[in-house]
Amino acid sequence: MKRNYITVAILLFVLPVVFGTVIVSLFAQALPNVIESPLFVRLAILPDLLASNFLQALKLIFIELHLLAVKSVHNSELVWGIYLSLSDFVLLAVSALFLSKALEQWGVLNTKQKWLIVLSALLCWSVPFELWLIGCCTAGSDWWLEILLLSKAYVSNPFIDTINWQGIYQNISEVSVLLRILLYVAGIVLMRISIRTQ
């Protein structure tokens, strides 16, 4: 039973990465052809950085340097990229453990509880993943929701569109860290509630 539990947790850890890659591939109409780890490439500089500026090094290791990058590169140009930092992997691992525990009780849950578990998983999975899209007015990666809103604002015509995409993007970007935290906590809490209300 313990081996099955670990297998399910690993699958739930990998599933959002695969799912996100497929969605972006379809959206950008370009398959991924590069998988790399920018963090591992820069491991040599980390000891010196830890010794000289410990807090900056921790920020670099857990947030800024990506542990995994899945990219689509054509003619030496990046078409799109999905990036996951070490902190993103921690969030995915924790949600995978919670979700695998919830799925152990799947057979005794009613339909409402099952939908709540699916919704909670989607909330947790919406927090990680930074995205970079070609043609979008940015030079790097950011939270996928911000990038999609930015790309929409970039091509929208404020004189014709009834939705102010630029305003939505600016409002989201100002509170993106807080919003990500709230979405993740809401997902975990909802997952726990859906199991307890049997």
N, C-alpha and C. Protein backbone atom coordinates (compact mmCIF):
# COMPACT_ATOMS: atom_id res chain seq x y z
N MET A 1 0.83 -1.21 0.00
CA MET A 1 0.00 0.00 0.00
C MET A 1 0.87 1.27 0.00
N LYS A 2 1.98 1.22 0.79
CA LYS A 2 2.85 2.37 0.86
C LYS A 2 3.51 2.63 -0.49
N ARG A 3 3.90 1.55 -1.20
CA ARG A 3 4.52 1.71 -2.51
C ARG A 3 3.53 2.33 -3.50
N ASN A 4 2.26 1.89 -3.43
CA ASN A 4 1.22 2.45 -4.29
C ASN A 4 1.01 3.93 -4.00
N TYR A 5 1.03 4.30 -2.72
CA TYR A 5 0.86 5.69 -2.29
C TYR A 5 1.98 6.56 -2.87
N ILE A 6 3.21 6.08 -2.81
CA ILE A 6 4.36 6.82 -3.34
C ILE A 6 4.26 6.94 -4.86
N THR A 7 3.84 5.87 -5.53
CA THR A 7 3.69 5.89 -6.98
C THR A 7 2.66 6.93 -7.41
N VAL A 8 1.53 6.97 -6.71
CA VAL A 8 0.48 7.95 -7.02
C VAL A 8 0.99 9.37 -6.79
N ALA A 9 1.73 9.58 -5.70
CA ALA A 9 2.28 10.90 -5.41
C ALA A 9 3.24 11.36 -6.50
N ILE A 10 4.09 10.43 -6.97
CA ILE A 10 5.03 10.77 -8.05
C ILE A 10 4.28 11.11 -9.33
N LEU A 11 3.26 10.33 -9.66
CA LEU A 11 2.46 10.61 -10.86
C LEU A 11 1.78 11.98 -10.76
N LEU A 12 1.25 12.31 -9.59
CA LEU A 12 0.58 13.59 -9.40
C LEU A 12 1.58 14.75 -9.41
N PHE A 13 2.83 14.45 -9.11
CA PHE A 13 3.89 15.45 -9.16
C PHE A 13 4.27 15.74 -10.62
N VAL A 14 4.30 14.69 -11.44
CA VAL A 14 4.71 14.81 -12.84
C VAL A 14 3.56 15.30 -13.72
N LEU A 15 2.32 14.89 -13.39
CA LEU A 15 1.16 15.19 -14.22
C LEU A 15 1.00 16.66 -14.58
N PRO A 16 1.05 17.59 -13.60
CA PRO A 16 0.88 19.00 -13.98
C PRO A 16 1.97 19.53 -14.91
N VAL A 17 3.20 18.99 -14.77
CA VAL A 17 4.28 19.42 -15.67
C VAL A 17 3.99 18.97 -17.10
N VAL A 18 3.57 17.72 -17.24
CA VAL A 18 3.24 17.20 -18.57
C VAL A 18 2.03 17.93 -19.14
N PHE A 19 1.01 18.11 -18.31
CA PHE A 19 -0.22 18.77 -18.75
C PHE A 19 0.07 20.21 -19.19
N GLY A 20 0.87 20.93 -18.40
CA GLY A 20 1.22 22.31 -18.75
C GLY A 20 2.00 22.39 -20.05
N THR A 21 2.91 21.45 -20.24
CA THR A 21 3.70 21.42 -21.47
C THR A 21 2.82 21.17 -22.69
N VAL A 22 1.86 20.25 -22.57
CA VAL A 22 0.95 19.94 -23.68
C VAL A 22 0.09 21.15 -24.02
N ILE A 23 -0.44 21.82 -22.99
CA ILE A 23 -1.30 22.99 -23.21
C ILE A 23 -0.54 24.10 -23.93
N VAL A 24 0.68 24.40 -23.47
CA VAL A 24 1.46 25.48 -24.10
C VAL A 24 1.87 25.08 -25.51
N SER A 25 2.21 23.81 -25.72
CA SER A 25 2.57 23.34 -27.07
C SER A 25 1.42 23.55 -28.04
N LEU A 26 0.21 23.21 -27.61
CA LEU A 26 -0.96 23.39 -28.46
C LEU A 26 -1.24 24.87 -28.69
N PHE A 27 -1.12 25.67 -27.63
CA PHE A 27 -1.40 27.10 -27.73
C PHE A 27 -0.41 27.79 -28.67
N ALA A 28 0.87 27.45 -28.52
CA ALA A 28 1.91 28.10 -29.34
C ALA A 28 2.17 27.38 -30.65
N GLN A 29 1.56 26.19 -30.83
CA GLN A 29 1.71 25.38 -32.05
C GLN A 29 3.18 25.07 -32.34
N ALA A 30 3.89 24.69 -31.28
CA ALA A 30 5.31 24.31 -31.41
C ALA A 30 5.65 23.31 -30.32
N LEU A 31 6.25 22.19 -30.72
CA LEU A 31 6.59 21.14 -29.77
C LEU A 31 7.86 21.48 -29.00
N PRO A 32 7.97 21.00 -27.74
CA PRO A 32 9.21 21.23 -27.00
C PRO A 32 10.35 20.39 -27.54
N ASN A 33 11.55 20.94 -27.55
CA ASN A 33 12.72 20.19 -28.03
C ASN A 33 13.96 20.42 -27.17
N VAL A 34 13.81 21.14 -26.06
CA VAL A 34 14.92 21.38 -25.14
C VAL A 34 14.44 21.22 -23.70
N ILE A 35 15.15 20.41 -22.93
CA ILE A 35 14.90 20.29 -21.49
C ILE A 35 16.24 20.51 -20.80
N GLU A 36 16.27 21.47 -19.88
CA GLU A 36 17.52 21.78 -19.20
C GLU A 36 17.27 22.25 -17.78
N SER A 37 18.33 22.37 -17.02
CA SER A 37 18.26 22.85 -15.64
C SER A 37 19.24 24.00 -15.45
N PRO A 38 18.76 25.25 -15.55
CA PRO A 38 19.65 26.41 -15.34
C PRO A 38 20.31 26.42 -13.96
N LEU A 39 19.63 25.87 -12.96
CA LEU A 39 20.20 25.83 -11.62
C LEU A 39 21.43 24.94 -11.57
N PHE A 40 21.35 23.75 -12.17
CA PHE A 40 22.49 22.83 -12.17
C PHE A 40 23.68 23.39 -12.97
N VAL A 41 23.39 24.15 -14.02
CA VAL A 41 24.46 24.75 -14.82
C VAL A 41 25.28 25.72 -13.99
N ARG A 42 24.64 26.37 -13.01
CA ARG A 42 25.31 27.39 -12.21
C ARG A 42 25.68 26.92 -10.80
N LEU A 43 25.71 25.61 -10.59
CA LEU A 43 26.04 25.09 -9.27
C LEU A 43 27.42 25.53 -8.78
N ALA A 44 28.35 25.71 -9.70
CA ALA A 44 29.73 26.05 -9.33
C ALA A 44 29.83 27.41 -8.62
N ILE A 45 28.95 28.36 -8.96
CA ILE A 45 29.04 29.69 -8.36
C ILE A 45 28.30 29.78 -7.02
N LEU A 46 27.45 28.79 -6.73
CA LEU A 46 26.60 28.89 -5.54
C LEU A 46 27.37 28.87 -4.23
N PRO A 47 28.41 28.03 -4.05
CA PRO A 47 29.15 28.07 -2.77
C PRO A 47 29.74 29.45 -2.46
N ASP A 48 30.32 30.08 -3.47
CA ASP A 48 30.88 31.43 -3.26
C ASP A 48 29.78 32.43 -2.93
N LEU A 49 28.65 32.29 -3.62
CA LEU A 49 27.54 33.21 -3.37
C LEU A 49 26.95 32.99 -1.98
N LEU A 50 26.84 31.74 -1.56
CA LEU A 50 26.34 31.44 -0.21
C LEU A 50 27.25 32.04 0.85
N ALA A 51 28.54 32.00 0.60
CA ALA A 51 29.51 32.55 1.57
C ALA A 51 29.48 34.07 1.61
N SER A 52 29.27 34.70 0.46
CA SER A 52 29.33 36.17 0.41
C SER A 52 27.99 36.83 0.71
N ASN A 53 26.89 36.26 0.22
CA ASN A 53 25.57 36.85 0.42
C ASN A 53 24.55 35.73 0.55
N PHE A 54 24.37 35.25 1.76
CA PHE A 54 23.56 34.06 2.02
C PHE A 54 22.10 34.23 1.60
N LEU A 55 21.50 35.34 1.96
CA LEU A 55 20.08 35.56 1.63
C LEU A 55 19.86 35.67 0.13
N GLN A 56 20.75 36.37 -0.55
CA GLN A 56 20.64 36.50 -2.00
C GLN A 56 20.82 35.15 -2.68
N ALA A 57 21.72 34.33 -2.12
CA ALA A 57 21.95 33.00 -2.67
C ALA A 57 20.70 32.13 -2.51
N LEU A 58 20.06 32.20 -1.34
CA LEU A 58 18.83 31.43 -1.12
C LEU A 58 17.72 31.86 -2.09
N LYS A 59 17.61 33.16 -2.29
CA LYS A 59 16.62 33.68 -3.24
C LYS A 59 16.91 33.17 -4.64
N LEU A 60 18.19 33.16 -5.01
CA LEU A 60 18.60 32.68 -6.32
C LEU A 60 18.30 31.20 -6.48
N ILE A 61 18.60 30.40 -5.45
CA ILE A 61 18.42 28.96 -5.52
C ILE A 61 16.94 28.57 -5.56
N PHE A 62 16.13 29.20 -4.71
CA PHE A 62 14.75 28.77 -4.56
C PHE A 62 13.77 29.47 -5.50
N ILE A 63 14.11 30.65 -5.98
CA ILE A 63 13.11 31.41 -6.76
C ILE A 63 13.62 31.80 -8.14
N GLU A 64 14.78 32.41 -8.23
CA GLU A 64 15.20 33.04 -9.47
C GLU A 64 15.78 32.06 -10.49
N LEU A 65 16.65 31.15 -10.05
CA LEU A 65 17.20 30.16 -10.96
C LEU A 65 16.25 28.98 -11.09
N HIS A 66 15.92 28.61 -12.30
CA HIS A 66 14.94 27.56 -12.51
C HIS A 66 15.60 26.18 -12.44
N LEU A 67 14.93 25.29 -11.73
CA LEU A 67 15.43 23.92 -11.63
C LEU A 67 15.14 23.16 -12.92
N LEU A 68 14.03 23.50 -13.58
CA LEU A 68 13.66 22.83 -14.82
C LEU A 68 13.16 23.85 -15.82
N ALA A 69 13.62 23.72 -17.05
CA ALA A 69 13.13 24.56 -18.15
C ALA A 69 12.81 23.65 -19.33
N VAL A 70 11.56 23.70 -19.77
CA VAL A 70 11.12 22.96 -20.96
C VAL A 70 10.86 24.00 -22.03
N LYS A 71 11.57 23.88 -23.17
CA LYS A 71 11.52 24.95 -24.17
C LYS A 71 11.24 24.40 -25.56
N SER A 72 10.76 25.30 -26.40
CA SER A 72 10.67 25.05 -27.83
C SER A 72 11.57 26.06 -28.51
N VAL A 73 12.66 25.57 -29.09
CA VAL A 73 13.65 26.44 -29.74
C VAL A 73 13.74 26.09 -31.21
N HIS A 74 13.58 27.08 -32.07
CA HIS A 74 13.67 26.87 -33.52
C HIS A 74 14.56 27.95 -34.12
N ASN A 75 15.51 27.52 -34.94
CA ASN A 75 16.47 28.43 -35.56
C ASN A 75 17.18 29.29 -34.51
N SER A 76 17.56 28.63 -33.41
CA SER A 76 18.28 29.27 -32.29
C SER A 76 17.47 30.35 -31.59
N GLU A 77 16.15 30.39 -31.81
CA GLU A 77 15.30 31.36 -31.14
C GLU A 77 14.27 30.64 -30.28
N LEU A 78 14.05 31.18 -29.10
CA LEU A 78 13.08 30.60 -28.18
C LEU A 78 11.66 30.96 -28.61
N VAL A 79 10.85 29.94 -28.85
CA VAL A 79 9.44 30.16 -29.22
C VAL A 79 8.60 30.25 -27.95
N TRP A 80 8.80 29.30 -27.06
CA TRP A 80 8.14 29.34 -25.76
C TRP A 80 8.96 28.55 -24.76
N GLY A 81 8.70 28.82 -23.49
CA GLY A 81 9.40 28.08 -22.45
C GLY A 81 8.55 28.02 -21.19
N ILE A 82 8.59 26.86 -20.54
CA ILE A 82 7.96 26.68 -19.23
C ILE A 82 9.09 26.51 -18.21
N TYR A 83 9.00 27.24 -17.12
CA TYR A 83 10.07 27.24 -16.13
C TYR A 83 9.52 26.92 -14.75
N LEU A 84 10.26 26.09 -14.02
CA LEU A 84 9.88 25.74 -12.65
C LEU A 84 11.09 25.94 -11.74
N SER A 85 10.91 26.73 -10.69
CA SER A 85 11.98 26.93 -9.72
C SER A 85 11.91 25.83 -8.66
N LEU A 86 12.88 25.83 -7.78
CA LEU A 86 12.91 24.85 -6.70
C LEU A 86 11.69 25.02 -5.79
N SER A 87 11.30 26.26 -5.54
CA SER A 87 10.11 26.50 -4.72
C SER A 87 8.84 25.99 -5.41
N ASP A 88 8.78 26.09 -6.74
CA ASP A 88 7.65 25.55 -7.48
C ASP A 88 7.58 24.03 -7.33
N PHE A 89 8.74 23.38 -7.36
CA PHE A 89 8.78 21.94 -7.18
C PHE A 89 8.32 21.54 -5.78
N VAL A 90 8.67 22.35 -4.78
CA VAL A 90 8.22 22.08 -3.41
C VAL A 90 6.70 22.17 -3.34
N LEU A 91 6.14 23.21 -3.96
CA LEU A 91 4.68 23.37 -3.97
C LEU A 91 4.00 22.21 -4.68
N LEU A 92 4.56 21.78 -5.81
CA LEU A 92 3.99 20.64 -6.53
C LEU A 92 4.08 19.36 -5.70
N ALA A 93 5.20 19.18 -5.00
CA ALA A 93 5.37 17.98 -4.19
C ALA A 93 4.38 17.94 -3.03
N VAL A 94 4.20 19.06 -2.36
CA VAL A 94 3.26 19.12 -1.23
C VAL A 94 1.83 18.87 -1.71
N SER A 95 1.44 19.51 -2.80
CA SER A 95 0.08 19.30 -3.32
C SER A 95 -0.10 17.87 -3.81
N ALA A 96 0.96 17.26 -4.35
CA ALA A 96 0.88 15.86 -4.79
C ALA A 96 0.65 14.93 -3.61
N LEU A 97 1.31 15.19 -2.49
CA LEU A 97 1.13 14.37 -1.30
C LEU A 97 -0.29 14.51 -0.75
N PHE A 98 -0.79 15.74 -0.67
CA PHE A 98 -2.15 15.97 -0.20
C PHE A 98 -3.17 15.31 -1.13
N LEU A 99 -2.95 15.47 -2.43
CA LEU A 99 -3.89 14.94 -3.41
C LEU A 99 -3.88 13.41 -3.44
N SER A 100 -2.71 12.82 -3.31
CA SER A 100 -2.66 11.35 -3.29
C SER A 100 -3.36 10.80 -2.06
N LYS A 101 -3.26 11.51 -0.93
CA LYS A 101 -3.98 11.10 0.28
C LYS A 101 -5.48 11.21 0.06
N ALA A 102 -5.91 12.27 -0.64
CA ALA A 102 -7.34 12.45 -0.92
C ALA A 102 -7.85 11.36 -1.86
N LEU A 103 -7.03 10.97 -2.83
CA LEU A 103 -7.46 9.95 -3.79
C LEU A 103 -7.56 8.56 -3.18
N GLU A 104 -6.91 8.35 -2.04
CA GLU A 104 -7.06 7.08 -1.33
C GLU A 104 -8.50 6.86 -0.90
N GLN A 105 -9.21 7.96 -0.66
CA GLN A 105 -10.61 7.87 -0.21
C GLN A 105 -11.60 8.10 -1.35
N TRP A 106 -11.11 8.12 -2.58
CA TRP A 106 -11.94 8.46 -3.75
C TRP A 106 -13.21 7.62 -3.83
N GLY A 107 -13.11 6.34 -3.53
CA GLY A 107 -14.25 5.44 -3.68
C GLY A 107 -15.41 5.74 -2.75
N VAL A 108 -15.12 6.37 -1.60
CA VAL A 108 -16.19 6.64 -0.62
C VAL A 108 -16.68 8.08 -0.69
N LEU A 109 -16.13 8.87 -1.60
CA LEU A 109 -16.53 10.27 -1.73
C LEU A 109 -17.72 10.41 -2.66
N ASN A 110 -18.57 11.39 -2.38
CA ASN A 110 -19.70 11.66 -3.29
C ASN A 110 -19.24 12.54 -4.44
N THR A 111 -20.13 12.79 -5.38
CA THR A 111 -19.78 13.53 -6.59
C THR A 111 -19.30 14.95 -6.28
N LYS A 112 -19.95 15.61 -5.33
CA LYS A 112 -19.56 16.98 -4.97
C LYS A 112 -18.14 17.00 -4.41
N GLN A 113 -17.83 16.03 -3.56
CA GLN A 113 -16.50 15.97 -2.97
C GLN A 113 -15.43 15.70 -4.04
N LYS A 114 -15.75 14.86 -4.99
CA LYS A 114 -14.79 14.56 -6.06
C LYS A 114 -14.51 15.81 -6.90
N TRP A 115 -15.56 16.58 -7.20
CA TRP A 115 -15.36 17.81 -7.96
C TRP A 115 -14.55 18.82 -7.16
N LEU A 116 -14.78 18.87 -5.84
CA LEU A 116 -14.01 19.77 -4.99
C LEU A 116 -12.53 19.41 -4.99
N ILE A 117 -12.23 18.10 -5.00
CA ILE A 117 -10.84 17.66 -5.04
C ILE A 117 -10.20 18.05 -6.37
N VAL A 118 -10.92 17.87 -7.47
CA VAL A 118 -10.40 18.27 -8.78
C VAL A 118 -10.15 19.77 -8.81
N LEU A 119 -11.11 20.56 -8.30
CA LEU A 119 -10.96 22.01 -8.27
C LEU A 119 -9.77 22.42 -7.40
N SER A 120 -9.62 21.77 -6.26
CA SER A 120 -8.50 22.11 -5.37
C SER A 120 -7.16 21.78 -6.02
N ALA A 121 -7.10 20.66 -6.76
CA ALA A 121 -5.86 20.31 -7.47
C ALA A 121 -5.54 21.37 -8.53
N LEU A 122 -6.55 21.81 -9.27
CA LEU A 122 -6.33 22.84 -10.29
C LEU A 122 -5.86 24.15 -9.68
N LEU A 123 -6.41 24.49 -8.51
CA LEU A 123 -5.97 25.71 -7.81
C LEU A 123 -4.50 25.60 -7.43
N CYS A 124 -4.11 24.45 -6.86
CA CYS A 124 -2.71 24.25 -6.46
C CYS A 124 -1.80 24.26 -7.68
N TRP A 125 -2.23 23.64 -8.75
CA TRP A 125 -1.40 23.53 -9.95
C TRP A 125 -1.32 24.84 -10.72
N SER A 126 -2.23 25.78 -10.43
CA SER A 126 -2.20 27.06 -11.15
C SER A 126 -1.13 27.99 -10.62
N VAL A 127 -0.55 27.68 -9.47
CA VAL A 127 0.41 28.58 -8.83
C VAL A 127 1.82 28.46 -9.43
N PRO A 128 2.38 27.24 -9.56
CA PRO A 128 3.72 27.16 -10.16
C PRO A 128 3.68 27.49 -11.65
N PHE A 129 4.75 27.28 -12.32
CA PHE A 129 4.90 27.47 -13.76
C PHE A 129 5.05 28.93 -14.17
N GLU A 130 6.23 29.24 -14.60
CA GLU A 130 6.46 30.52 -15.26
C GLU A 130 6.52 30.24 -16.75
N LEU A 131 6.14 31.22 -17.54
CA LEU A 131 5.97 31.03 -18.97
C LEU A 131 6.66 32.16 -19.72
N TRP A 132 7.19 31.82 -20.89
CA TRP A 132 7.72 32.83 -21.81
C TRP A 132 7.16 32.52 -23.18
N LEU A 133 6.58 33.50 -23.83
CA LEU A 133 6.01 33.32 -25.17
C LEU A 133 6.65 34.29 -26.14
N ILE A 134 6.96 33.81 -27.35
CA ILE A 134 7.49 34.69 -28.38
C ILE A 134 6.38 35.66 -28.81
N GLY A 135 6.77 36.86 -29.15
CA GLY A 135 5.80 37.86 -29.60
C GLY A 135 5.17 38.62 -28.47
N CYS A 136 5.45 38.19 -27.24
CA CYS A 136 4.91 38.93 -26.10
C CYS A 136 5.96 39.95 -25.67
N CYS A 137 5.50 41.09 -25.19
CA CYS A 137 6.41 42.20 -24.92
C CYS A 137 7.10 42.03 -23.57
N THR A 138 7.88 40.98 -23.44
CA THR A 138 8.68 40.76 -22.24
C THR A 138 9.97 40.06 -22.62
N ALA A 139 10.99 40.28 -21.83
CA ALA A 139 12.29 39.69 -22.14
C ALA A 139 12.57 38.44 -21.31
N GLY A 140 11.60 38.01 -20.53
CA GLY A 140 11.84 36.85 -19.68
C GLY A 140 10.56 36.17 -19.28
N SER A 141 10.69 35.26 -18.34
CA SER A 141 9.54 34.47 -17.90
C SER A 141 8.87 35.13 -16.71
N ASP A 142 7.60 34.81 -16.56
CA ASP A 142 6.82 35.28 -15.42
C ASP A 142 5.68 34.30 -15.21
N TRP A 143 4.88 34.53 -14.17
CA TRP A 143 3.76 33.65 -13.89
C TRP A 143 2.91 33.52 -15.15
N TRP A 144 2.50 32.32 -15.49
CA TRP A 144 1.82 32.05 -16.76
C TRP A 144 0.59 32.93 -16.94
N LEU A 145 -0.15 33.21 -15.86
CA LEU A 145 -1.35 34.04 -15.99
C LEU A 145 -0.98 35.47 -16.38
N GLU A 146 0.08 35.99 -15.80
CA GLU A 146 0.54 37.34 -16.16
C GLU A 146 0.99 37.40 -17.61
N ILE A 147 1.72 36.37 -18.05
CA ILE A 147 2.20 36.36 -19.44
C ILE A 147 1.05 36.30 -20.43
N LEU A 148 0.05 35.47 -20.14
CA LEU A 148 -1.11 35.38 -21.04
C LEU A 148 -1.88 36.70 -21.09
N LEU A 149 -2.05 37.33 -19.93
CA LEU A 149 -2.74 38.62 -19.89
C LEU A 149 -1.91 39.69 -20.61
N LEU A 150 -0.59 39.64 -20.44
CA LEU A 150 0.28 40.60 -21.11
C LEU A 150 0.25 40.43 -22.62
N SER A 151 0.24 39.16 -23.07
CA SER A 151 0.19 38.92 -24.51
C SER A 151 -1.15 39.39 -25.08
N LYS A 152 -2.21 39.20 -24.30
CA LYS A 152 -3.53 39.68 -24.75
C LYS A 152 -3.57 41.21 -24.77
N ALA A 153 -2.99 41.85 -23.76
CA ALA A 153 -2.96 43.31 -23.72
C ALA A 153 -2.11 43.87 -24.85
N TYR A 154 -1.06 43.13 -25.22
CA TYR A 154 -0.13 43.58 -26.24
C TYR A 154 -0.79 43.65 -27.62
N VAL A 155 -1.71 42.72 -27.90
CA VAL A 155 -2.35 42.68 -29.22
C VAL A 155 -3.74 43.33 -29.23
N SER A 156 -4.25 43.72 -28.06
CA SER A 156 -5.60 44.28 -28.01
C SER A 156 -5.60 45.74 -28.46
N ASN A 157 -6.74 46.18 -28.95
CA ASN A 157 -6.93 47.56 -29.35
C ASN A 157 -7.83 48.23 -28.32
N PRO A 158 -7.31 49.16 -27.52
CA PRO A 158 -8.11 49.77 -26.46
C PRO A 158 -9.30 50.57 -26.97
N PHE A 159 -9.29 50.93 -28.26
CA PHE A 159 -10.40 51.70 -28.82
C PHE A 159 -11.54 50.80 -29.29
N ILE A 160 -11.27 49.52 -29.46
CA ILE A 160 -12.28 48.58 -29.95
C ILE A 160 -12.72 47.59 -28.87
N ASP A 161 -11.73 47.04 -28.14
CA ASP A 161 -12.03 46.02 -27.13
C ASP A 161 -12.85 46.61 -25.98
N THR A 162 -13.83 45.85 -25.55
CA THR A 162 -14.65 46.29 -24.41
C THR A 162 -13.99 45.93 -23.08
N ILE A 163 -12.99 45.05 -23.12
CA ILE A 163 -12.26 44.65 -21.90
C ILE A 163 -10.91 45.36 -21.87
N ASN A 164 -10.61 45.97 -20.75
CA ASN A 164 -9.33 46.67 -20.58
C ASN A 164 -8.27 45.65 -20.15
N TRP A 165 -7.66 44.96 -21.13
CA TRP A 165 -6.68 43.91 -20.83
C TRP A 165 -5.43 44.48 -20.18
N GLN A 166 -5.03 45.68 -20.57
CA GLN A 166 -3.85 46.29 -19.97
C GLN A 166 -4.08 46.60 -18.49
N GLY A 167 -5.28 47.08 -18.20
CA GLY A 167 -5.63 47.36 -16.80
C GLY A 167 -5.68 46.09 -15.96
N ILE A 168 -6.25 45.03 -16.54
CA ILE A 168 -6.32 43.74 -15.84
C ILE A 168 -4.91 43.22 -15.57
N TYR A 169 -4.05 43.30 -16.59
CA TYR A 169 -2.67 42.84 -16.42
C TYR A 169 -1.95 43.63 -15.32
N GLN A 170 -2.08 44.94 -15.33
CA GLN A 170 -1.40 45.76 -14.34
C GLN A 170 -1.88 45.44 -12.94
N ASN A 171 -3.20 45.27 -12.79
CA ASN A 171 -3.75 44.95 -11.47
C ASN A 171 -3.28 43.59 -10.97
N ILE A 172 -3.26 42.60 -11.88
CA ILE A 172 -2.82 41.25 -11.50
C ILE A 172 -1.33 41.25 -11.15
N SER A 173 -0.51 41.94 -11.97
CA SER A 173 0.94 41.92 -11.74
C SER A 173 1.32 42.58 -10.42
N GLU A 174 0.52 43.55 -9.97
CA GLU A 174 0.82 44.23 -8.71
C GLU A 174 0.62 43.33 -7.50
N VAL A 175 -0.28 42.36 -7.63
CA VAL A 175 -0.60 41.49 -6.48
C VAL A 175 -0.36 40.02 -6.81
N SER A 176 0.49 39.75 -7.80
CA SER A 176 0.64 38.38 -8.29
C SER A 176 1.17 37.42 -7.22
N VAL A 177 2.15 37.88 -6.42
CA VAL A 177 2.71 37.01 -5.38
C VAL A 177 1.65 36.66 -4.35
N LEU A 178 0.92 37.66 -3.89
CA LEU A 178 -0.15 37.43 -2.92
C LEU A 178 -1.24 36.54 -3.50
N LEU A 179 -1.59 36.78 -4.77
CA LEU A 179 -2.62 35.99 -5.42
C LEU A 179 -2.20 34.53 -5.54
N ARG A 180 -0.95 34.29 -5.87
CA ARG A 180 -0.44 32.92 -5.99
C ARG A 180 -0.49 32.21 -4.63
N ILE A 181 -0.11 32.91 -3.58
CA ILE A 181 -0.16 32.32 -2.24
C ILE A 181 -1.59 31.98 -1.86
N LEU A 182 -2.51 32.91 -2.11
CA LEU A 182 -3.91 32.70 -1.76
C LEU A 182 -4.51 31.53 -2.54
N LEU A 183 -4.19 31.43 -3.83
CA LEU A 183 -4.70 30.33 -4.65
C LEU A 183 -4.20 28.98 -4.14
N TYR A 184 -2.93 28.94 -3.78
CA TYR A 184 -2.35 27.68 -3.30
C TYR A 184 -2.95 27.27 -1.96
N VAL A 185 -3.02 28.22 -1.03
CA VAL A 185 -3.60 27.93 0.28
C VAL A 185 -5.06 27.52 0.14
N ALA A 186 -5.79 28.21 -0.74
CA ALA A 186 -7.20 27.86 -0.97
C ALA A 186 -7.32 26.44 -1.52
N GLY A 187 -6.41 26.05 -2.40
CA GLY A 187 -6.43 24.70 -2.95
C GLY A 187 -6.19 23.64 -1.89
N ILE A 188 -5.20 23.85 -1.03
CA ILE A 188 -4.89 22.89 0.04
C ILE A 188 -6.03 22.81 1.04
N VAL A 189 -6.56 23.97 1.45
CA VAL A 189 -7.68 23.99 2.42
C VAL A 189 -8.90 23.31 1.83
N LEU A 190 -9.21 23.61 0.58
CA LEU A 190 -10.38 23.01 -0.07
C LEU A 190 -10.21 21.49 -0.18
N MET A 191 -8.99 21.04 -0.43
CA MET A 191 -8.73 19.61 -0.53
C MET A 191 -8.98 18.92 0.82
N ARG A 192 -8.52 19.56 1.89
CA ARG A 192 -8.72 18.99 3.23
C ARG A 192 -10.19 18.99 3.62
N ILE A 193 -10.89 20.09 3.29
CA ILE A 193 -12.32 20.19 3.62
C ILE A 193 -13.12 19.13 2.87
N SER A 194 -12.80 18.91 1.60
CA SER A 194 -13.55 17.96 0.78
C SER A 194 -13.44 16.54 1.32
N ILE A 195 -12.34 16.23 2.00
CA ILE A 195 -12.18 14.88 2.58
C ILE A 195 -12.90 14.78 3.91
N ARG A 196 -12.85 15.84 4.70
CA ARG A 196 -13.42 15.79 6.05
C ARG A 196 -14.94 15.77 6.07
N THR A 197 -15.55 16.35 5.02
CA THR A 197 -17.03 16.44 5.01
C THR A 197 -17.65 15.22 4.38
N GLN A 198 -17.26 14.04 4.84
CA GLN A 198 -17.82 12.81 4.29
C GLN A 198 -19.16 12.52 4.97
